[in-house]
Full PDB file with SEQRES, HELIX, SHEET, SSBOND, CRYST1, ORIGX, SCALE, CONECT and MASTER records, all heavy atoms in Angstrom:
SEQRES   1 A   43  PRO ILE SER SER LEU THR LYS ASP SER LEU ALA ASP PHE          
SEQRES   2 A   43  ASP LEU ASP MET LYS SER LYS ILE ARG CYS LYS ASN MET          
SEQRES   3 A   43  PHE ALA LEU GLY LEU VAL CYS TRP LEU PHE ASN LYS PRO          
SEQRES   4 A   43  ILE ASP VAL VAL                                              
HELIX    1 AA1 ILE A    2  SER A    9  1                                   8    
HELIX    2 AA2 MET A   17  ILE A   21  1                                   5    
HELIX    3 AA3 LYS A   24  LEU A   35  1                                  12    
CRYST1    1.000    1.000    1.000  90.00  90.00  90.00 P 1           1          
ORIGX1      1.000000  0.000000  0.000000        0.00000                         
ORIGX2      0.000000  1.000000  0.000000        0.00000                         
ORIGX3      0.000000  0.000000  1.000000        0.00000                         
SCALE1      1.000000  0.000000  0.000000        0.00000                         
SCALE2      0.000000  1.000000  0.000000        0.00000                         
SCALE3      0.000000  0.000000  1.000000        0.00000                         
ATOM      1  N   PRO A   1     -19.997   5.367   4.289  1.00  0.00           N  
ATOM      2  CA  PRO A   1     -18.855   5.196   5.212  1.00  0.00           C  
ATOM      3  C   PRO A   1     -17.525   5.348   4.467  1.00  0.00           C  
ATOM      4  O   PRO A   1     -16.801   4.374   4.226  1.00  0.00           O  
ATOM      5  CB  PRO A   1     -19.060   3.774   5.748  1.00  0.00           C  
ATOM      6  CG  PRO A   1     -19.766   3.057   4.640  1.00  0.00           C  
ATOM      7  CD  PRO A   1     -20.666   4.084   3.995  1.00  0.00           C  
ATOM      8  N   ILE A   2     -17.199   6.562   4.127  1.00  0.00           N  
ATOM      9  CA  ILE A   2     -16.068   6.829   3.235  1.00  0.00           C  
ATOM     10  C   ILE A   2     -14.746   6.379   3.847  1.00  0.00           C  
ATOM     11  O   ILE A   2     -13.910   5.750   3.171  1.00  0.00           O  
ATOM     12  CB  ILE A   2     -16.024   8.329   2.869  1.00  0.00           C  
ATOM     13  CG1 ILE A   2     -17.254   8.686   2.019  1.00  0.00           C  
ATOM     14  CG2 ILE A   2     -14.739   8.675   2.126  1.00  0.00           C  
ATOM     15  CD1 ILE A   2     -17.370  10.160   1.699  1.00  0.00           C  
ATOM     16  N   SER A   3     -14.526   6.678   5.112  1.00  0.00           N  
ATOM     17  CA  SER A   3     -13.244   6.313   5.741  1.00  0.00           C  
ATOM     18  C   SER A   3     -13.060   4.803   5.763  1.00  0.00           C  
ATOM     19  O   SER A   3     -11.973   4.288   5.435  1.00  0.00           O  
ATOM     20  CB  SER A   3     -13.173   6.880   7.162  1.00  0.00           C  
ATOM     21  OG  SER A   3     -13.171   8.299   7.133  1.00  0.00           O  
ATOM     22  N   SER A   4     -14.103   4.076   6.148  1.00  0.00           N  
ATOM     23  CA  SER A   4     -13.999   2.611   6.209  1.00  0.00           C  
ATOM     24  C   SER A   4     -13.753   2.022   4.832  1.00  0.00           C  
ATOM     25  O   SER A   4     -12.906   1.123   4.658  1.00  0.00           O  
ATOM     26  CB  SER A   4     -15.287   2.016   6.801  1.00  0.00           C  
ATOM     27  OG  SER A   4     -15.472   2.447   8.127  1.00  0.00           O  
ATOM     28  N   LEU A   5     -14.475   2.505   3.848  1.00  0.00           N  
ATOM     29  CA  LEU A   5     -14.320   1.986   2.492  1.00  0.00           C  
ATOM     30  C   LEU A   5     -12.938   2.311   1.933  1.00  0.00           C  
ATOM     31  O   LEU A   5     -12.371   1.530   1.165  1.00  0.00           O  
ATOM     32  CB  LEU A   5     -15.418   2.557   1.592  1.00  0.00           C  
ATOM     33  CG  LEU A   5     -16.833   2.056   1.891  1.00  0.00           C  
ATOM     34  CD1 LEU A   5     -17.872   2.868   1.127  1.00  0.00           C  
ATOM     35  CD2 LEU A   5     -16.958   0.575   1.549  1.00  0.00           C  
ATOM     36  N   THR A   6     -12.406   3.446   2.330  1.00  0.00           N  
ATOM     37  CA  THR A   6     -11.052   3.804   1.893  1.00  0.00           C  
ATOM     38  C   THR A   6     -10.030   2.835   2.491  1.00  0.00           C  
ATOM     39  O   THR A   6      -9.137   2.344   1.785  1.00  0.00           O  
ATOM     40  CB  THR A   6     -10.714   5.254   2.305  1.00  0.00           C  
ATOM     41  OG1 THR A   6     -11.625   6.150   1.673  1.00  0.00           O  
ATOM     42  CG2 THR A   6      -9.298   5.618   1.906  1.00  0.00           C  
ATOM     43  N   LYS A   7     -10.167   2.556   3.774  1.00  0.00           N  
ATOM     44  CA  LYS A   7      -9.238   1.609   4.416  1.00  0.00           C  
ATOM     45  C   LYS A   7      -9.353   0.217   3.795  1.00  0.00           C  
ATOM     46  O   LYS A   7      -8.346  -0.461   3.563  1.00  0.00           O  
ATOM     47  CB  LYS A   7      -9.518   1.558   5.920  1.00  0.00           C  
ATOM     48  CG  LYS A   7      -9.067   2.806   6.672  1.00  0.00           C  
ATOM     49  CD  LYS A   7      -9.200   2.659   8.170  1.00  0.00           C  
ATOM     50  CE  LYS A   7     -10.633   2.758   8.616  1.00  0.00           C  
ATOM     51  NZ  LYS A   7     -10.757   2.761  10.101  1.00  0.00           N  
ATOM     52  N   ASP A   8     -10.588  -0.197   3.497  1.00  0.00           N  
ATOM     53  CA  ASP A   8     -10.782  -1.504   2.866  1.00  0.00           C  
ATOM     54  C   ASP A   8     -10.142  -1.549   1.478  1.00  0.00           C  
ATOM     55  O   ASP A   8      -9.559  -2.566   1.078  1.00  0.00           O  
ATOM     56  CB  ASP A   8     -12.276  -1.820   2.753  1.00  0.00           C  
ATOM     57  CG  ASP A   8     -12.932  -2.050   4.112  1.00  0.00           C  
ATOM     58  OD1 ASP A   8     -12.191  -2.267   5.092  1.00  0.00           O  
ATOM     59  OD2 ASP A   8     -14.175  -1.987   4.185  1.00  0.00           O  
ATOM     60  N   SER A   9     -10.239  -0.442   0.766  1.00  0.00           N  
ATOM     61  CA  SER A   9      -9.666  -0.379  -0.578  1.00  0.00           C  
ATOM     62  C   SER A   9      -8.157  -0.545  -0.564  1.00  0.00           C  
ATOM     63  O   SER A   9      -7.562  -1.050  -1.523  1.00  0.00           O  
ATOM     64  CB  SER A   9     -10.021   0.966  -1.236  1.00  0.00           C  
ATOM     65  OG  SER A   9     -11.407   1.143  -1.357  1.00  0.00           O  
ATOM     66  N   LEU A  10      -7.529  -0.129   0.540  1.00  0.00           N  
ATOM     67  CA  LEU A  10      -6.064  -0.123   0.609  1.00  0.00           C  
ATOM     68  C   LEU A  10      -5.527  -1.178   1.569  1.00  0.00           C  
ATOM     69  O   LEU A  10      -4.389  -1.080   2.042  1.00  0.00           O  
ATOM     70  CB  LEU A  10      -5.581   1.270   1.038  1.00  0.00           C  
ATOM     71  CG  LEU A  10      -6.000   2.429   0.111  1.00  0.00           C  
ATOM     72  CD1 LEU A  10      -5.540   3.768   0.684  1.00  0.00           C  
ATOM     73  CD2 LEU A  10      -5.442   2.235  -1.286  1.00  0.00           C  
ATOM     74  N   ALA A  11      -6.334  -2.184   1.825  1.00  0.00           N  
ATOM     75  CA  ALA A  11      -5.926  -3.209   2.786  1.00  0.00           C  
ATOM     76  C   ALA A  11      -4.626  -3.903   2.386  1.00  0.00           C  
ATOM     77  O   ALA A  11      -3.818  -4.286   3.244  1.00  0.00           O  
ATOM     78  CB  ALA A  11      -7.048  -4.245   2.934  1.00  0.00           C  
ATOM     79  N   ASP A  12      -4.406  -4.038   1.090  1.00  0.00           N  
ATOM     80  CA  ASP A  12      -3.213  -4.753   0.613  1.00  0.00           C  
ATOM     81  C   ASP A  12      -2.041  -3.810   0.292  1.00  0.00           C  
ATOM     82  O   ASP A  12      -1.019  -4.272  -0.236  1.00  0.00           O  
ATOM     83  CB  ASP A  12      -3.563  -5.567  -0.636  1.00  0.00           C  
ATOM     84  CG  ASP A  12      -4.586  -6.655  -0.342  1.00  0.00           C  
ATOM     85  OD1 ASP A  12      -4.599  -7.143   0.795  1.00  0.00           O  
ATOM     86  OD2 ASP A  12      -5.383  -6.987  -1.251  1.00  0.00           O  
ATOM     87  N   PHE A  13      -2.190  -2.544   0.585  1.00  0.00           N  
ATOM     88  CA  PHE A  13      -1.125  -1.579   0.285  1.00  0.00           C  
ATOM     89  C   PHE A  13      -0.208  -1.420   1.493  1.00  0.00           C  
ATOM     90  O   PHE A  13      -0.665  -1.367   2.639  1.00  0.00           O  
ATOM     91  CB  PHE A  13      -1.719  -0.212  -0.084  1.00  0.00           C  
ATOM     92  CG  PHE A  13      -2.197  -0.115  -1.509  1.00  0.00           C  
ATOM     93  CD1 PHE A  13      -3.353  -0.781  -1.919  1.00  0.00           C  
ATOM     94  CD2 PHE A  13      -1.494   0.622  -2.445  1.00  0.00           C  
ATOM     95  CE1 PHE A  13      -3.803  -0.703  -3.221  1.00  0.00           C  
ATOM     96  CE2 PHE A  13      -1.934   0.711  -3.749  1.00  0.00           C  
ATOM     97  CZ  PHE A  13      -3.090   0.045  -4.151  1.00  0.00           C  
ATOM     98  N   ASP A  14       1.079  -1.329   1.225  1.00  0.00           N  
ATOM     99  CA  ASP A  14       2.074  -1.176   2.285  1.00  0.00           C  
ATOM    100  C   ASP A  14       2.177   0.290   2.700  1.00  0.00           C  
ATOM    101  O   ASP A  14       3.177   0.966   2.455  1.00  0.00           O  
ATOM    102  CB  ASP A  14       3.432  -1.696   1.800  1.00  0.00           C  
ATOM    103  CG  ASP A  14       4.480  -1.702   2.921  1.00  0.00           C  
ATOM    104  OD1 ASP A  14       4.059  -1.674   4.098  1.00  0.00           O  
ATOM    105  OD2 ASP A  14       5.677  -1.729   2.597  1.00  0.00           O  
ATOM    106  N   LEU A  15       1.103   0.769   3.303  1.00  0.00           N  
ATOM    107  CA  LEU A  15       1.036   2.150   3.784  1.00  0.00           C  
ATOM    108  C   LEU A  15       0.588   2.138   5.239  1.00  0.00           C  
ATOM    109  O   LEU A  15      -0.188   1.263   5.661  1.00  0.00           O  
ATOM    110  CB  LEU A  15       0.030   2.966   2.962  1.00  0.00           C  
ATOM    111  CG  LEU A  15       0.372   3.262   1.499  1.00  0.00           C  
ATOM    112  CD1 LEU A  15      -0.843   3.863   0.793  1.00  0.00           C  
ATOM    113  CD2 LEU A  15       1.561   4.219   1.399  1.00  0.00           C  
ATOM    114  N   ASP A  16       1.054   3.131   6.023  1.00  0.00           N  
ATOM    115  CA  ASP A  16       0.570   3.240   7.392  1.00  0.00           C  
ATOM    116  C   ASP A  16      -0.872   3.729   7.372  1.00  0.00           C  
ATOM    117  O   ASP A  16      -1.356   4.254   6.373  1.00  0.00           O  
ATOM    118  CB  ASP A  16       1.463   4.175   8.216  1.00  0.00           C  
ATOM    119  CG  ASP A  16       1.526   5.576   7.635  1.00  0.00           C  
ATOM    120  OD1 ASP A  16       0.528   6.306   7.752  1.00  0.00           O  
ATOM    121  OD2 ASP A  16       2.576   5.919   7.044  1.00  0.00           O  
ATOM    122  N   MET A  17      -1.575   3.565   8.506  1.00  0.00           N  
ATOM    123  CA  MET A  17      -2.994   3.879   8.560  1.00  0.00           C  
ATOM    124  C   MET A  17      -3.266   5.360   8.286  1.00  0.00           C  
ATOM    125  O   MET A  17      -4.265   5.713   7.634  1.00  0.00           O  
ATOM    126  CB  MET A  17      -3.564   3.484   9.930  1.00  0.00           C  
ATOM    127  CG  MET A  17      -5.087   3.586   9.995  1.00  0.00           C  
ATOM    128  SD  MET A  17      -5.916   2.627   8.689  1.00  0.00           S  
ATOM    129  CE  MET A  17      -5.443   0.952   9.160  1.00  0.00           C  
ATOM    130  N   LYS A  18      -2.389   6.237   8.735  1.00  0.00           N  
ATOM    131  CA  LYS A  18      -2.589   7.663   8.495  1.00  0.00           C  
ATOM    132  C   LYS A  18      -2.568   7.970   7.005  1.00  0.00           C  
ATOM    133  O   LYS A  18      -3.397   8.747   6.501  1.00  0.00           O  
ATOM    134  CB  LYS A  18      -1.507   8.480   9.224  1.00  0.00           C  
ATOM    135  CG  LYS A  18      -1.670   9.977   9.092  1.00  0.00           C  
ATOM    136  CD  LYS A  18      -0.590  10.724   9.884  1.00  0.00           C  
ATOM    137  CE  LYS A  18      -0.761  12.233   9.743  1.00  0.00           C  
ATOM    138  NZ  LYS A  18       0.285  12.979  10.494  1.00  0.00           N  
ATOM    139  N   SER A  19      -1.629   7.368   6.296  1.00  0.00           N  
ATOM    140  CA  SER A  19      -1.532   7.594   4.854  1.00  0.00           C  
ATOM    141  C   SER A  19      -2.752   7.034   4.135  1.00  0.00           C  
ATOM    142  O   SER A  19      -3.224   7.610   3.150  1.00  0.00           O  
ATOM    143  CB  SER A  19      -0.257   6.955   4.297  1.00  0.00           C  
ATOM    144  OG  SER A  19       0.897   7.558   4.856  1.00  0.00           O  
ATOM    145  N   LYS A  20      -3.265   5.907   4.609  1.00  0.00           N  
ATOM    146  CA  LYS A  20      -4.456   5.326   3.990  1.00  0.00           C  
ATOM    147  C   LYS A  20      -5.668   6.240   4.173  1.00  0.00           C  
ATOM    148  O   LYS A  20      -6.407   6.511   3.220  1.00  0.00           O  
ATOM    149  CB  LYS A  20      -4.741   3.945   4.581  1.00  0.00           C  
ATOM    150  CG  LYS A  20      -3.722   2.879   4.186  1.00  0.00           C  
ATOM    151  CD  LYS A  20      -4.050   1.539   4.837  1.00  0.00           C  
ATOM    152  CE  LYS A  20      -3.030   0.481   4.421  1.00  0.00           C  
ATOM    153  NZ  LYS A  20      -3.312  -0.840   5.050  1.00  0.00           N  
ATOM    154  N   ILE A  21      -5.857   6.735   5.397  1.00  0.00           N  
ATOM    155  CA  ILE A  21      -7.011   7.590   5.682  1.00  0.00           C  
ATOM    156  C   ILE A  21      -6.949   8.888   4.864  1.00  0.00           C  
ATOM    157  O   ILE A  21      -7.985   9.412   4.438  1.00  0.00           O  
ATOM    158  CB  ILE A  21      -7.088   7.919   7.184  1.00  0.00           C  
ATOM    159  CG1 ILE A  21      -7.526   6.670   7.954  1.00  0.00           C  
ATOM    160  CG2 ILE A  21      -8.059   9.051   7.459  1.00  0.00           C  
ATOM    161  CD1 ILE A  21      -8.932   6.206   7.628  1.00  0.00           C  
ATOM    162  N   ARG A  22      -5.741   9.370   4.618  1.00  0.00           N  
ATOM    163  CA  ARG A  22      -5.611  10.620   3.859  1.00  0.00           C  
ATOM    164  C   ARG A  22      -6.093  10.480   2.424  1.00  0.00           C  
ATOM    165  O   ARG A  22      -6.285  11.478   1.742  1.00  0.00           O  
ATOM    166  CB  ARG A  22      -4.150  11.083   3.889  1.00  0.00           C  
ATOM    167  CG  ARG A  22      -3.693  11.581   5.251  1.00  0.00           C  
ATOM    168  CD  ARG A  22      -2.300  12.178   5.201  1.00  0.00           C  
ATOM    169  NE  ARG A  22      -2.260  13.383   4.395  1.00  0.00           N  
ATOM    170  CZ  ARG A  22      -1.146  14.083   4.179  1.00  0.00           C  
ATOM    171  NH1 ARG A  22      -0.001  13.654   4.693  1.00  0.00           N  
ATOM    172  NH2 ARG A  22      -1.165  15.174   3.453  1.00  0.00           N  
ATOM    173  N   CYS A  23      -6.301   9.252   1.971  1.00  0.00           N  
ATOM    174  CA  CYS A  23      -6.788   9.033   0.604  1.00  0.00           C  
ATOM    175  C   CYS A  23      -8.304   9.139   0.503  1.00  0.00           C  
ATOM    176  O   CYS A  23      -8.857   9.007  -0.604  1.00  0.00           O  
ATOM    177  CB  CYS A  23      -6.339   7.667   0.089  1.00  0.00           C  
ATOM    178  SG  CYS A  23      -4.553   7.482  -0.112  1.00  0.00           S  
ATOM    179  N   LYS A  24      -8.989   9.392   1.631  1.00  0.00           N  
ATOM    180  CA  LYS A  24     -10.451   9.374   1.584  1.00  0.00           C  
ATOM    181  C   LYS A  24     -11.032  10.490   0.732  1.00  0.00           C  
ATOM    182  O   LYS A  24     -12.150  10.375   0.231  1.00  0.00           O  
ATOM    183  CB  LYS A  24     -11.030   9.435   3.001  1.00  0.00           C  
ATOM    184  CG  LYS A  24     -10.757  10.732   3.754  1.00  0.00           C  
ATOM    185  CD  LYS A  24     -11.331  10.663   5.171  1.00  0.00           C  
ATOM    186  CE  LYS A  24     -11.071  11.948   5.943  1.00  0.00           C  
ATOM    187  NZ  LYS A  24     -11.642  11.881   7.318  1.00  0.00           N  
ATOM    188  N   ASN A  25     -10.266  11.561   0.546  1.00  0.00           N  
ATOM    189  CA  ASN A  25     -10.767  12.614  -0.335  1.00  0.00           C  
ATOM    190  C   ASN A  25     -10.922  12.126  -1.768  1.00  0.00           C  
ATOM    191  O   ASN A  25     -11.763  12.613  -2.524  1.00  0.00           O  
ATOM    192  CB  ASN A  25      -9.857  13.840  -0.270  1.00  0.00           C  
ATOM    193  CG  ASN A  25      -8.446  13.576  -0.746  1.00  0.00           C  
ATOM    194  OD1 ASN A  25      -7.918  12.478  -0.541  1.00  0.00           O  
ATOM    195  ND2 ASN A  25      -7.821  14.557  -1.363  1.00  0.00           N  
ATOM    196  N   MET A  26     -10.123  11.122  -2.161  1.00  0.00           N  
ATOM    197  CA  MET A  26     -10.248  10.572  -3.509  1.00  0.00           C  
ATOM    198  C   MET A  26     -11.495   9.690  -3.639  1.00  0.00           C  
ATOM    199  O   MET A  26     -12.107   9.624  -4.700  1.00  0.00           O  
ATOM    200  CB  MET A  26      -8.998   9.764  -3.869  1.00  0.00           C  
ATOM    201  CG  MET A  26      -7.752  10.607  -4.077  1.00  0.00           C  
ATOM    202  SD  MET A  26      -7.935  11.804  -5.427  1.00  0.00           S  
ATOM    203  CE  MET A  26      -8.073  13.344  -4.484  1.00  0.00           C  
ATOM    204  N   PHE A  27     -11.884   9.021  -2.547  1.00  0.00           N  
ATOM    205  CA  PHE A  27     -13.129   8.260  -2.571  1.00  0.00           C  
ATOM    206  C   PHE A  27     -14.302   9.220  -2.757  1.00  0.00           C  
ATOM    207  O   PHE A  27     -15.210   8.964  -3.559  1.00  0.00           O  
ATOM    208  CB  PHE A  27     -13.291   7.459  -1.278  1.00  0.00           C  
ATOM    209  CG  PHE A  27     -14.304   6.356  -1.370  1.00  0.00           C  
ATOM    210  CD1 PHE A  27     -13.901   5.049  -1.588  1.00  0.00           C  
ATOM    211  CD2 PHE A  27     -15.660   6.615  -1.247  1.00  0.00           C  
ATOM    212  CE1 PHE A  27     -14.837   4.015  -1.687  1.00  0.00           C  
ATOM    213  CE2 PHE A  27     -16.603   5.605  -1.345  1.00  0.00           C  
ATOM    214  CZ  PHE A  27     -16.194   4.302  -1.565  1.00  0.00           C  
ATOM    215  N   ALA A  28     -14.261  10.338  -2.015  1.00  0.00           N  
ATOM    216  CA  ALA A  28     -15.314  11.348  -2.161  1.00  0.00           C  
ATOM    217  C   ALA A  28     -15.325  11.916  -3.576  1.00  0.00           C  
ATOM    218  O   ALA A  28     -16.388  12.119  -4.173  1.00  0.00           O  
ATOM    219  CB  ALA A  28     -15.109  12.462  -1.140  1.00  0.00           C  
ATOM    220  N   LEU A  29     -14.146  12.153  -4.138  1.00  0.00           N  
ATOM    221  CA  LEU A  29     -14.066  12.688  -5.496  1.00  0.00           C  
ATOM    222  C   LEU A  29     -14.637  11.690  -6.506  1.00  0.00           C  
ATOM    223  O   LEU A  29     -15.335  12.073  -7.448  1.00  0.00           O  
ATOM    224  CB  LEU A  29     -12.615  13.021  -5.841  1.00  0.00           C  
ATOM    225  CG  LEU A  29     -12.348  13.539  -7.261  1.00  0.00           C  
ATOM    226  CD1 LEU A  29     -13.162  14.793  -7.543  1.00  0.00           C  
ATOM    227  CD2 LEU A  29     -10.860  13.809  -7.454  1.00  0.00           C  
ATOM    228  N   GLY A  30     -14.352  10.393  -6.302  1.00  0.00           N  
ATOM    229  CA  GLY A  30     -14.921   9.379  -7.187  1.00  0.00           C  
ATOM    230  C   GLY A  30     -16.439   9.387  -7.148  1.00  0.00           C  
ATOM    231  O   GLY A  30     -17.107   9.284  -8.193  1.00  0.00           O  
ATOM    232  N   LEU A  31     -17.007   9.528  -5.958  1.00  0.00           N  
ATOM    233  CA  LEU A  31     -18.458   9.612  -5.827  1.00  0.00           C  
ATOM    234  C   LEU A  31     -19.015  10.831  -6.552  1.00  0.00           C  
ATOM    235  O   LEU A  31     -20.062  10.757  -7.207  1.00  0.00           O  
ATOM    236  CB  LEU A  31     -18.840   9.677  -4.346  1.00  0.00           C  
ATOM    237  CG  LEU A  31     -18.919   8.341  -3.602  1.00  0.00           C  
ATOM    238  CD1 LEU A  31     -19.029   8.587  -2.094  1.00  0.00           C  
ATOM    239  CD2 LEU A  31     -20.110   7.524  -4.087  1.00  0.00           C  
ATOM    240  N   VAL A  32     -18.316  11.954  -6.441  1.00  0.00           N  
ATOM    241  CA  VAL A  32     -18.784  13.174  -7.100  1.00  0.00           C  
ATOM    242  C   VAL A  32     -18.700  13.026  -8.623  1.00  0.00           C  
ATOM    243  O   VAL A  32     -19.600  13.478  -9.353  1.00  0.00           O  
ATOM    244  CB  VAL A  32     -17.977  14.396  -6.612  1.00  0.00           C  
ATOM    245  CG1 VAL A  32     -18.328  15.640  -7.410  1.00  0.00           C  
ATOM    246  CG2 VAL A  32     -18.231  14.633  -5.125  1.00  0.00           C  
ATOM    247  N   CYS A  33     -17.642  12.414  -9.117  1.00  0.00           N  
ATOM    248  CA  CYS A  33     -17.545  12.169 -10.558  1.00  0.00           C  
ATOM    249  C   CYS A  33     -18.713  11.303 -11.042  1.00  0.00           C  
ATOM    250  O   CYS A  33     -19.293  11.547 -12.104  1.00  0.00           O  
ATOM    251  CB  CYS A  33     -16.215  11.495 -10.904  1.00  0.00           C  
ATOM    252  SG  CYS A  33     -14.771  12.578 -10.746  1.00  0.00           S  
ATOM    253  N   TRP A  34     -19.060  10.286 -10.236  1.00  0.00           N  
ATOM    254  CA  TRP A  34     -20.233   9.467 -10.576  1.00  0.00           C  
ATOM    255  C   TRP A  34     -21.507  10.300 -10.560  1.00  0.00           C  
ATOM    256  O   TRP A  34     -22.346  10.210 -11.466  1.00  0.00           O  
ATOM    257  CB  TRP A  34     -20.354   8.312  -9.576  1.00  0.00           C  
ATOM    258  CG  TRP A  34     -21.725   7.706  -9.557  1.00  0.00           C  
ATOM    259  CD1 TRP A  34     -22.272   6.848 -10.468  1.00  0.00           C  
ATOM    260  CD2 TRP A  34     -22.740   7.956  -8.576  1.00  0.00           C  
ATOM    261  NE1 TRP A  34     -23.563   6.536 -10.119  1.00  0.00           N  
ATOM    262  CE2 TRP A  34     -23.884   7.208  -8.950  1.00  0.00           C  
ATOM    263  CE3 TRP A  34     -22.798   8.724  -7.416  1.00  0.00           C  
ATOM    264  CZ2 TRP A  34     -25.062   7.215  -8.215  1.00  0.00           C  
ATOM    265  CZ3 TRP A  34     -23.962   8.738  -6.677  1.00  0.00           C  
ATOM    266  CH2 TRP A  34     -25.083   7.991  -7.079  1.00  0.00           C  
ATOM    267  N   LEU A  35     -21.640  11.143  -9.539  1.00  0.00           N  
ATOM    268  CA  LEU A  35     -22.847  11.947  -9.380  1.00  0.00           C  
ATOM    269  C   LEU A  35     -23.052  12.888 -10.563  1.00  0.00           C  
ATOM    270  O   LEU A  35     -24.191  13.198 -10.935  1.00  0.00           O  
ATOM    271  CB  LEU A  35     -22.758  12.750  -8.073  1.00  0.00           C  
ATOM    272  CG  LEU A  35     -24.034  13.437  -7.566  1.00  0.00           C  
ATOM    273  CD1 LEU A  35     -25.088  12.406  -7.198  1.00  0.00           C  
ATOM    274  CD2 LEU A  35     -23.714  14.323  -6.369  1.00  0.00           C  
ATOM    275  N   PHE A  36     -21.955  13.325 -11.167  1.00  0.00           N  
ATOM    276  CA  PHE A  36     -22.048  14.281 -12.276  1.00  0.00           C  
ATOM    277  C   PHE A  36     -21.775  13.630 -13.635  1.00  0.00           C  
ATOM    278  O   PHE A  36     -21.582  14.332 -14.629  1.00  0.00           O  
ATOM    279  CB  PHE A  36     -21.081  15.449 -12.039  1.00  0.00           C  
ATOM    280  CG  PHE A  36     -21.575  16.426 -11.025  1.00  0.00           C  
ATOM    281  CD1 PHE A  36     -21.289  16.252  -9.684  1.00  0.00           C  
ATOM    282  CD2 PHE A  36     -22.360  17.495 -11.405  1.00  0.00           C  
ATOM    283  CE1 PHE A  36     -21.768  17.139  -8.741  1.00  0.00           C  
ATOM    284  CE2 PHE A  36     -22.845  18.392 -10.471  1.00  0.00           C  
ATOM    285  CZ  PHE A  36     -22.547  18.213  -9.128  1.00  0.00           C  
ATOM    286  N   ASN A  37     -21.781  12.316 -13.657  1.00  0.00           N  
ATOM    287  CA  ASN A  37     -21.625  11.596 -14.923  1.00  0.00           C  
ATOM    288  C   ASN A  37     -20.358  12.009 -15.667  1.00  0.00           C  
ATOM    289  O   ASN A  37     -20.351  12.196 -16.887  1.00  0.00           O  
ATOM    290  CB  ASN A  37     -22.852  11.813 -15.827  1.00  0.00           C  
ATOM    291  CG  ASN A  37     -24.119  11.229 -15.237  1.00  0.00           C  
ATOM    292  OD1 ASN A  37     -24.356  10.023 -15.328  1.00  0.00           O  
ATOM    293  ND2 ASN A  37     -24.910  12.077 -14.588  1.00  0.00           N  
ATOM    294  N   LYS A  38     -19.288  12.157 -14.927  1.00  0.00           N  
ATOM    295  CA  LYS A  38     -18.013  12.556 -15.523  1.00  0.00           C  
ATOM    296  C   LYS A  38     -17.005  11.407 -15.412  1.00  0.00           C  
ATOM    297  O   LYS A  38     -16.850  10.822 -14.340  1.00  0.00           O  
ATOM    298  CB  LYS A  38     -17.460  13.810 -14.854  1.00  0.00           C  
ATOM    299  CG  LYS A  38     -18.305  15.058 -15.118  1.00  0.00           C  
ATOM    300  CD  LYS A  38     -17.641  16.307 -14.610  1.00  0.00           C  
ATOM    301  CE  LYS A  38     -18.500  17.549 -14.849  1.00  0.00           C  
ATOM    302  NZ  LYS A  38     -18.661  17.852 -16.277  1.00  0.00           N  
ATOM    303  N   PRO A  39     -16.330  11.086 -16.507  1.00  0.00           N  
ATOM    304  CA  PRO A  39     -15.358   9.978 -16.472  1.00  0.00           C  
ATOM    305  C   PRO A  39     -14.152  10.330 -15.609  1.00  0.00           C  
ATOM    306  O   PRO A  39     -13.783  11.501 -15.478  1.00  0.00           O  
ATOM    307  CB  PRO A  39     -14.962   9.829 -17.943  1.00  0.00           C  
ATOM    308  CG  PRO A  39     -15.176  11.190 -18.528  1.00  0.00           C  
ATOM    309  CD  PRO A  39     -16.378  11.757 -17.814  1.00  0.00           C  
ATOM    310  N   ILE A  40     -13.542   9.292 -15.025  1.00  0.00           N  
ATOM    311  CA  ILE A  40     -12.419   9.547 -14.124  1.00  0.00           C  
ATOM    312  C   ILE A  40     -11.065   9.366 -14.799  1.00  0.00           C  
ATOM    313  O   ILE A  40     -10.038   9.557 -14.159  1.00  0.00           O  
ATOM    314  CB  ILE A  40     -12.497   8.645 -12.873  1.00  0.00           C  
ATOM    315  CG1 ILE A  40     -12.417   7.168 -13.264  1.00  0.00           C  
ATOM    316  CG2 ILE A  40     -13.750   8.946 -12.074  1.00  0.00           C  
ATOM    317  CD1 ILE A  40     -12.297   6.243 -12.074  1.00  0.00           C  
ATOM    318  N   ASP A  41     -11.042   9.019 -16.083  1.00  0.00           N  
ATOM    319  CA  ASP A  41      -9.750   8.754 -16.716  1.00  0.00           C  
ATOM    320  C   ASP A  41      -8.875   9.998 -16.760  1.00  0.00           C  
ATOM    321  O   ASP A  41      -7.651   9.916 -16.636  1.00  0.00           O  
ATOM    322  CB  ASP A  41      -9.938   8.169 -18.120  1.00  0.00           C  
ATOM    323  CG  ASP A  41     -10.822   9.023 -19.001  1.00  0.00           C  
ATOM    324  OD1 ASP A  41     -11.611   9.819 -18.456  1.00  0.00           O  
ATOM    325  OD2 ASP A  41     -10.743   8.898 -20.236  1.00  0.00           O  
ATOM    326  N   VAL A  42      -9.506  11.171 -16.934  1.00  0.00           N  
ATOM    327  CA  VAL A  42      -8.727  12.416 -16.951  1.00  0.00           C  
ATOM    328  C   VAL A  42      -8.117  12.676 -15.572  1.00  0.00           C  
ATOM    329  O   VAL A  42      -6.953  13.079 -15.450  1.00  0.00           O  
ATOM    330  CB  VAL A  42      -9.602  13.612 -17.382  1.00  0.00           C  
ATOM    331  CG1 VAL A  42      -8.814  14.913 -17.292  1.00  0.00           C  
ATOM    332  CG2 VAL A  42     -10.114  13.408 -18.806  1.00  0.00           C  
ATOM    333  N   VAL A  43      -8.908  12.425 -14.512  1.00  0.00           N  
ATOM    334  CA  VAL A  43      -8.402  12.595 -13.149  1.00  0.00           C  
ATOM    335  C   VAL A  43      -7.261  11.613 -12.883  1.00  0.00           C  
ATOM    336  O   VAL A  43      -6.283  11.950 -12.212  1.00  0.00           O  
ATOM    337  CB  VAL A  43      -9.533  12.401 -12.116  1.00  0.00           C  
ATOM    338  CG1 VAL A  43      -9.004  12.637 -10.698  1.00  0.00           C  
ATOM    339  CG2 VAL A  43     -10.696  13.331 -12.405  1.00  0.00           C  
TER     340      VAL A  43                                                      
MASTER        0    0    0    3    0    0    0    6  339    1    0    4          
END                                                                             
């Protein structure tokens, strides 16, 4: 549930809901980095 988890991650951020949802591509990217055993510090 990428969208829900993204909203939960940003619950304390002073952003409107549209801006929060637009961050879901980064949740997907984090999952892909995990899937390929690649560190996220460079990202």
